[in-house]
């Protein structure tokens, strides 16, 4: 298929993972096997506020040490040079996405990822209808991005992320191609329905794989 666009996750995909999720789940009182955002949404209001404050506090701390992951710039430069659109779908906040763009991404001469969908809305467009979309792995965000880009949803779109249960499942549910970034090689087997189409250890591998598997 023709490569029509690439959608990235943020934490652990474009940036080095720096959040202690075990501690976050513990402080929020959520079982590590469950989806923390869904669990918080189902909590009584006072507990949900407390848990949300914990997540926001830890994410704010993480912004101070945010770094681009190896291969991210080279991959994005390759895509940008071919005018292949890039978007972002993350369970991080708008504040983190703004910080990422301003401090890490744009100083590299890269265009902002657009649309950039966070868990609390579309970055730079708070009144956008995209702001009401559910979080991954619900596929609604992918359909919305394809509509903004004016391209069909299908294997010509690619979802790139580091989580089989959030990112790969999100791409599979939407019917697009999927790439799992697995730098520590911890997801090499047993992924079942969340098995990606492509499995890489570095984003630097993607230009070659895109050229091999897609029309450019």
C-alpha atoms as a PDB file:
ATOM      1  CA  UNK A   1       0.000   0.000   0.000  1.00  0.00           C
ATOM      2  CA  UNK A   2       0.962   3.645  -0.324  1.00  0.00           C
ATOM      3  CA  UNK A   3       2.234   5.134   2.938  1.00  0.00           C
ATOM      4  CA  UNK A   4      -0.378   7.809   3.710  1.00  0.00           C
ATOM      5  CA  UNK A   5       0.598   8.814   7.254  1.00  0.00           C
ATOM      6  CA  UNK A   6       2.195   7.741  10.511  1.00  0.00           C
ATOM      7  CA  UNK A   7       0.674   8.138  13.975  1.00  0.00           C
ATOM      8  CA  UNK A   8       3.007   7.996  16.971  1.00  0.00           C
ATOM      9  CA  UNK A   9       2.566   7.376  20.662  1.00  0.00           C
ATOM     10  CA  UNK A  10       4.632   9.671  22.899  1.00  0.00           C
ATOM     11  CA  UNK A  11       5.948   8.186  26.170  1.00  0.00           C
ATOM     12  CA  UNK A  12       8.264   5.258  25.456  1.00  0.00           C
ATOM     13  CA  UNK A  13       7.976   5.777  21.695  1.00  0.00           C
ATOM     14  CA  UNK A  14       9.205   9.271  20.808  1.00  0.00           C
ATOM     15  CA  UNK A  15      10.550   9.932  24.300  1.00  0.00           C
ATOM     16  CA  UNK A  16      12.572   7.826  26.720  1.00  0.00           C
ATOM     17  CA  UNK A  17      10.188   6.253  29.270  1.00  0.00           C
ATOM     18  CA  UNK A  18      10.654   8.059  32.578  1.00  0.00           C
ATOM     19  CA  UNK A  19       7.441   7.482  34.533  1.00  0.00           C
ATOM     20  CA  UNK A  20       7.274   4.998  37.411  1.00  0.00           C
ATOM     21  CA  UNK A  21       3.978   3.360  36.499  1.00  0.00           C
ATOM     22  CA  UNK A  22       4.166   0.846  39.339  1.00  0.00           C
ATOM     23  CA  UNK A  23       4.309   3.749  41.817  1.00  0.00           C
ATOM     24  CA  UNK A  24       1.567   5.618  39.961  1.00  0.00           C
ATOM     25  CA  UNK A  25      -0.778   2.626  40.101  1.00  0.00           C
ATOM     26  CA  UNK A  26       0.081   2.047  43.767  1.00  0.00           C
ATOM     27  CA  UNK A  27      -0.637   5.642  44.762  1.00  0.00           C
ATOM     28  CA  UNK A  28      -3.887   5.625  42.791  1.00  0.00           C
ATOM     29  CA  UNK A  29      -4.961   2.302  44.309  1.00  0.00           C
ATOM     30  CA  UNK A  30      -5.355   0.625  40.898  1.00  0.00           C
ATOM     31  CA  UNK A  31      -4.443  -2.968  40.072  1.00  0.00           C
ATOM     32  CA  UNK A  32      -1.416  -2.952  37.733  1.00  0.00           C
ATOM     33  CA  UNK A  33      -3.226  -5.291  35.325  1.00  0.00           C
ATOM     34  CA  UNK A  34      -6.036  -2.786  34.733  1.00  0.00           C
ATOM     35  CA  UNK A  35      -6.280   0.370  32.607  1.00  0.00           C
ATOM     36  CA  UNK A  36      -5.562   3.246  34.991  1.00  0.00           C
ATOM     37  CA  UNK A  37      -7.497   5.900  33.046  1.00  0.00           C
ATOM     38  CA  UNK A  38     -10.604   3.726  32.829  1.00  0.00           C
ATOM     39  CA  UNK A  39     -10.357   2.853  36.515  1.00  0.00           C
ATOM     40  CA  UNK A  40     -10.020   6.506  37.529  1.00  0.00           C
ATOM     41  CA  UNK A  41     -13.012   7.432  35.358  1.00  0.00           C
ATOM     42  CA  UNK A  42     -15.090   4.822  37.222  1.00  0.00           C
ATOM     43  CA  UNK A  43     -14.091   6.058  40.705  1.00  0.00           C
ATOM     44  CA  UNK A  44     -16.358   8.175  42.931  1.00  0.00           C
ATOM     45  CA  UNK A  45     -15.726  11.879  42.208  1.00  0.00           C
ATOM     46  CA  UNK A  46     -13.553  12.596  45.256  1.00  0.00           C
ATOM     47  CA  UNK A  47     -11.343   9.563  44.657  1.00  0.00           C
ATOM     48  CA  UNK A  48     -11.115  10.331  40.948  1.00  0.00           C
ATOM     49  CA  UNK A  49      -9.909  13.866  41.748  1.00  0.00           C
ATOM     50  CA  UNK A  50      -7.263  12.522  44.115  1.00  0.00           C
ATOM     51  CA  UNK A  51      -6.048   9.897  41.633  1.00  0.00           C
ATOM     52  CA  UNK A  52      -5.998  12.398  38.765  1.00  0.00           C
ATOM     53  CA  UNK A  53      -3.901  14.734  40.912  1.00  0.00           C
ATOM     54  CA  UNK A  54      -1.393  11.917  41.482  1.00  0.00           C
ATOM     55  CA  UNK A  55      -1.134  11.192  37.748  1.00  0.00           C
ATOM     56  CA  UNK A  56      -0.775  14.889  36.908  1.00  0.00           C
ATOM     57  CA  UNK A  57       1.863  15.396  39.611  1.00  0.00           C
ATOM     58  CA  UNK A  58       3.967  12.457  38.409  1.00  0.00           C
ATOM     59  CA  UNK A  59       3.621  13.486  34.771  1.00  0.00           C
ATOM     60  CA  UNK A  60       4.687  17.046  35.608  1.00  0.00           C
ATOM     61  CA  UNK A  61       7.771  15.674  37.349  1.00  0.00           C
ATOM     62  CA  UNK A  62       8.471  13.522  34.287  1.00  0.00           C
ATOM     63  CA  UNK A  63       8.434  16.577  32.013  1.00  0.00           C
ATOM     64  CA  UNK A  64      11.546  17.889  33.761  1.00  0.00           C
ATOM     65  CA  UNK A  65      13.621  14.940  32.511  1.00  0.00           C
ATOM     66  CA  UNK A  66      11.910  14.271  29.162  1.00  0.00           C
ATOM     67  CA  UNK A  67      14.323  13.204  26.397  1.00  0.00           C
ATOM     68  CA  UNK A  68      13.898  12.160  22.785  1.00  0.00           C
ATOM     69  CA  UNK A  69      14.366   8.442  22.228  1.00  0.00           C
ATOM     70  CA  UNK A  70      17.147   7.186  19.977  1.00  0.00           C
ATOM     71  CA  UNK A  71      16.129   7.199  16.311  1.00  0.00           C
ATOM     72  CA  UNK A  72      13.123   9.514  16.695  1.00  0.00           C
ATOM     73  CA  UNK A  73      14.670  12.510  14.942  1.00  0.00           C
ATOM     74  CA  UNK A  74      16.106  10.506  12.028  1.00  0.00           C
ATOM     75  CA  UNK A  75      12.793   8.737  11.474  1.00  0.00           C
ATOM     76  CA  UNK A  76      10.776  11.959  11.597  1.00  0.00           C
ATOM     77  CA  UNK A  77      13.214  13.785   9.301  1.00  0.00           C
ATOM     78  CA  UNK A  78      12.885  10.970   6.769  1.00  0.00           C
ATOM     79  CA  UNK A  79       9.082  11.139   6.885  1.00  0.00           C
ATOM     80  CA  UNK A  80       9.019  14.946   6.756  1.00  0.00           C
ATOM     81  CA  UNK A  81      11.361  15.021   3.752  1.00  0.00           C
ATOM     82  CA  UNK A  82       8.828  12.852   1.902  1.00  0.00           C
ATOM     83  CA  UNK A  83       5.914  14.979   3.102  1.00  0.00           C
ATOM     84  CA  UNK A  84       4.312  12.041   4.859  1.00  0.00           C
ATOM     85  CA  UNK A  85       2.018  13.440   7.574  1.00  0.00           C
ATOM     86  CA  UNK A  86       2.705  12.610  11.216  1.00  0.00           C
ATOM     87  CA  UNK A  87       0.257  12.752  14.123  1.00  0.00           C
ATOM     88  CA  UNK A  88       0.330  11.982  17.829  1.00  0.00           C
ATOM     89  CA  UNK A  89      -2.102  10.054  20.017  1.00  0.00           C
ATOM     90  CA  UNK A  90      -1.045   9.920  23.638  1.00  0.00           C
ATOM     91  CA  UNK A  91      -2.479   9.251  27.061  1.00  0.00           C
ATOM     92  CA  UNK A  92      -0.293  12.108  28.349  1.00  0.00           C
ATOM     93  CA  UNK A  93      -1.698  15.615  28.929  1.00  0.00           C
ATOM     94  CA  UNK A  94      -1.774  18.605  26.586  1.00  0.00           C
ATOM     95  CA  UNK A  95       0.803  20.274  28.836  1.00  0.00           C
ATOM     96  CA  UNK A  96       3.266  17.441  28.253  1.00  0.00           C
ATOM     97  CA  UNK A  97       2.674  17.488  24.485  1.00  0.00           C
ATOM     98  CA  UNK A  98       3.227  21.267  24.359  1.00  0.00           C
ATOM     99  CA  UNK A  99       6.458  20.840  26.351  1.00  0.00           C
ATOM    100  CA  UNK A 100       7.571  18.045  24.011  1.00  0.00           C
ATOM    101  CA  UNK A 101       6.962  20.122  20.891  1.00  0.00           C
ATOM    102  CA  UNK A 102       8.551  23.323  22.232  1.00  0.00           C
ATOM    103  CA  UNK A 103      11.573  21.892  24.054  1.00  0.00           C
ATOM    104  CA  UNK A 104      12.442  18.726  22.125  1.00  0.00           C
ATOM    105  CA  UNK A 105      10.736  18.413  18.743  1.00  0.00           C
ATOM    106  CA  UNK A 106      10.663  21.821  17.092  1.00  0.00           C
ATOM    107  CA  UNK A 107      14.279  22.706  18.047  1.00  0.00           C
ATOM    108  CA  UNK A 108      15.247  19.787  15.773  1.00  0.00           C
ATOM    109  CA  UNK A 109      13.611  21.610  12.872  1.00  0.00           C
ATOM    110  CA  UNK A 110      10.716  19.165  12.799  1.00  0.00           C
ATOM    111  CA  UNK A 111       7.121  20.180  12.056  1.00  0.00           C
ATOM    112  CA  UNK A 112       4.644  19.811  14.944  1.00  0.00           C
ATOM    113  CA  UNK A 113       2.818  16.495  14.970  1.00  0.00           C
ATOM    114  CA  UNK A 114      -0.702  17.268  13.819  1.00  0.00           C
ATOM    115  CA  UNK A 115      -3.271  16.494  14.966  1.00  0.00           C
ATOM    116  CA  UNK A 116      -1.777  15.954  18.433  1.00  0.00           C
ATOM    117  CA  UNK A 117      -4.381  14.224  20.591  1.00  0.00           C
ATOM    118  CA  UNK A 118      -3.811  14.024  24.336  1.00  0.00           C
ATOM    119  CA  UNK A 119      -5.949  12.548  27.082  1.00  0.00           C
ATOM    120  CA  UNK A 120      -7.404  15.971  27.845  1.00  0.00           C
ATOM    121  CA  UNK A 121      -7.987  17.299  24.350  1.00  0.00           C
ATOM    122  CA  UNK A 122      -6.364  18.369  21.103  1.00  0.00           C
ATOM    123  CA  UNK A 123      -3.226  20.424  21.577  1.00  0.00           C
ATOM    124  CA  UNK A 124      -3.809  23.964  20.349  1.00  0.00           C
ATOM    125  CA  UNK A 125      -7.501  23.424  19.598  1.00  0.00           C
ATOM    126  CA  UNK A 126      -9.470  23.074  22.822  1.00  0.00           C
ATOM    127  CA  UNK A 127     -12.794  23.614  21.031  1.00  0.00           C
ATOM    128  CA  UNK A 128     -12.117  20.926  18.420  1.00  0.00           C
ATOM    129  CA  UNK A 129     -14.619  18.052  18.195  1.00  0.00           C
ATOM    130  CA  UNK A 130     -11.583  15.773  18.437  1.00  0.00           C
ATOM    131  CA  UNK A 131     -11.288  16.867  22.083  1.00  0.00           C
ATOM    132  CA  UNK A 132     -14.102  14.520  23.117  1.00  0.00           C
ATOM    133  CA  UNK A 133     -12.552  11.341  21.755  1.00  0.00           C
ATOM    134  CA  UNK A 134     -11.971   8.362  24.071  1.00  0.00           C
ATOM    135  CA  UNK A 135      -8.434   7.288  24.952  1.00  0.00           C
ATOM    136  CA  UNK A 136      -6.544   4.448  23.272  1.00  0.00           C
ATOM    137  CA  UNK A 137      -7.122   1.609  22.596  1.00  0.00           C
ATOM    138  CA  UNK A 138     -10.534   2.850  21.404  1.00  0.00           C
ATOM    139  CA  UNK A 139      -9.909   3.437  17.655  1.00  0.00           C
ATOM    140  CA  UNK A 140     -11.981   6.631  17.342  1.00  0.00           C
ATOM    141  CA  UNK A 141      -8.881   8.864  17.327  1.00  0.00           C
ATOM    142  CA  UNK A 142      -7.416   7.065  14.305  1.00  0.00           C
ATOM    143  CA  UNK A 143     -10.620   7.545  12.305  1.00  0.00           C
ATOM    144  CA  UNK A 144     -10.635  11.222  13.279  1.00  0.00           C
ATOM    145  CA  UNK A 145      -7.004  11.716  12.204  1.00  0.00           C
ATOM    146  CA  UNK A 146      -7.652  10.059   8.843  1.00  0.00           C
ATOM    147  CA  UNK A 147     -10.604  12.405   8.327  1.00  0.00           C
ATOM    148  CA  UNK A 148      -8.474  15.473   9.118  1.00  0.00           C
ATOM    149  CA  UNK A 149      -5.800  14.254   6.685  1.00  0.00           C
ATOM    150  CA  UNK A 150      -8.365  13.336   4.042  1.00  0.00           C
ATOM    151  CA  UNK A 151      -7.054   9.794   3.625  1.00  0.00           C
ATOM    152  CA  UNK A 152      -8.785   6.404   3.892  1.00  0.00           C
ATOM    153  CA  UNK A 153      -8.387   4.313   7.022  1.00  0.00           C
ATOM    154  CA  UNK A 154      -6.506   1.157   6.114  1.00  0.00           C
ATOM    155  CA  UNK A 155      -3.065  -0.427   5.907  1.00  0.00           C
ATOM    156  CA  UNK A 156      -1.579   2.721   4.345  1.00  0.00           C
ATOM    157  CA  UNK A 157      -1.800   4.363   7.762  1.00  0.00           C
ATOM    158  CA  UNK A 158       0.646   3.210  10.432  1.00  0.00           C
ATOM    159  CA  UNK A 159       0.421   3.297  14.229  1.00  0.00           C
ATOM    160  CA  UNK A 160       3.785   3.247  16.025  1.00  0.00           C
ATOM    161  CA  UNK A 161       3.966   2.631  19.769  1.00  0.00           C
ATOM    162  CA  UNK A 162       5.611   0.701  22.578  1.00  0.00           C
ATOM    163  CA  UNK A 163       2.497  -0.847  24.167  1.00  0.00           C
ATOM    164  CA  UNK A 164       0.866  -3.975  22.718  1.00  0.00           C
ATOM    165  CA  UNK A 165      -2.295  -3.423  24.772  1.00  0.00           C
ATOM    166  CA  UNK A 166      -2.694   0.304  24.031  1.00  0.00           C
ATOM    167  CA  UNK A 167      -0.893   1.152  20.797  1.00  0.00           C
ATOM    168  CA  UNK A 168      -0.975  -2.071  18.784  1.00  0.00           C
ATOM    169  CA  UNK A 169      -4.523  -2.838  19.939  1.00  0.00           C
ATOM    170  CA  UNK A 170      -5.511   0.707  18.943  1.00  0.00           C
ATOM    171  CA  UNK A 171      -4.095   0.277  15.454  1.00  0.00           C
ATOM    172  CA  UNK A 172      -5.575  -3.193  15.029  1.00  0.00           C
ATOM    173  CA  UNK A 173      -9.016  -1.974  16.087  1.00  0.00           C
ATOM    174  CA  UNK A 174      -8.834   0.767  13.458  1.00  0.00           C
ATOM    175  CA  UNK A 175      -7.621  -1.576  10.730  1.00  0.00           C
ATOM    176  CA  UNK A 176      -4.277   0.162  10.104  1.00  0.00           C
ATOM    177  CA  UNK A 177      -0.737  -1.206   9.990  1.00  0.00           C
ATOM    178  CA  UNK A 178       1.042  -1.467  13.336  1.00  0.00           C
ATOM    179  CA  UNK A 179       4.631  -1.130  14.528  1.00  0.00           C
ATOM    180  CA  UNK A 180       5.727  -2.155  18.020  1.00  0.00           C
ATOM    181  CA  UNK A 181       8.823  -0.389  19.327  1.00  0.00           C
ATOM    182  CA  UNK A 182      10.389  -2.888  21.697  1.00  0.00           C
ATOM    183  CA  UNK A 183      13.838  -1.554  22.584  1.00  0.00           C
ATOM    184  CA  UNK A 184      14.311  -3.969  25.479  1.00  0.00           C
ATOM    185  CA  UNK A 185      12.968  -6.988  23.533  1.00  0.00           C
ATOM    186  CA  UNK A 186      10.429  -7.830  26.230  1.00  0.00           C
ATOM    187  CA  UNK A 187       7.526  -8.457  23.812  1.00  0.00           C
ATOM    188  CA  UNK A 188       8.996 -10.987  21.413  1.00  0.00           C
ATOM    189  CA  UNK A 189       6.300 -13.625  21.732  1.00  0.00           C
ATOM    190  CA  UNK A 190       2.906 -14.410  23.201  1.00  0.00           C
ATOM    191  CA  UNK A 191       1.166 -11.208  22.085  1.00  0.00           C
ATOM    192  CA  UNK A 192      -1.807 -12.996  20.539  1.00  0.00           C
ATOM    193  CA  UNK A 193      -4.235 -10.554  18.901  1.00  0.00           C
ATOM    194  CA  UNK A 194      -1.879  -7.669  19.723  1.00  0.00           C
ATOM    195  CA  UNK A 195       0.933  -9.048  17.553  1.00  0.00           C
ATOM    196  CA  UNK A 196       2.195  -6.111  15.432  1.00  0.00           C
ATOM    197  CA  UNK A 197       2.807  -6.114  11.696  1.00  0.00           C
ATOM    198  CA  UNK A 198       6.346  -4.854  12.265  1.00  0.00           C
ATOM    199  CA  UNK A 199       8.517  -5.249  15.373  1.00  0.00           C
ATOM    200  CA  UNK A 200      11.537  -2.946  15.849  1.00  0.00           C
ATOM    201  CA  UNK A 201      14.090  -2.178  18.534  1.00  0.00           C
ATOM    202  CA  UNK A 202      14.735   1.373  17.320  1.00  0.00           C
ATOM    203  CA  UNK A 203      12.806   3.980  15.352  1.00  0.00           C
ATOM    204  CA  UNK A 204      15.932   4.265  13.205  1.00  0.00           C
ATOM    205  CA  UNK A 205      14.889   0.966  11.591  1.00  0.00           C
ATOM    206  CA  UNK A 206      11.624   2.396  10.280  1.00  0.00           C
ATOM    207  CA  UNK A 207      12.743   4.296   7.145  1.00  0.00           C
ATOM    208  CA  UNK A 208      14.187   1.107   5.669  1.00  0.00           C
ATOM    209  CA  UNK A 209      11.111  -0.926   6.641  1.00  0.00           C
ATOM    210  CA  UNK A 210       8.710   1.694   5.323  1.00  0.00           C
ATOM    211  CA  UNK A 211      10.587   1.743   2.010  1.00  0.00           C
ATOM    212  CA  UNK A 212      10.457  -2.064   1.905  1.00  0.00           C
ATOM    213  CA  UNK A 213       6.780  -2.518   2.803  1.00  0.00           C
ATOM    214  CA  UNK A 214       5.064   0.592   1.384  1.00  0.00           C
ATOM    215  CA  UNK A 215       4.897   2.638  -1.784  1.00  0.00           C
ATOM    216  CA  UNK A 216       6.352   6.093  -1.165  1.00  0.00           C
END
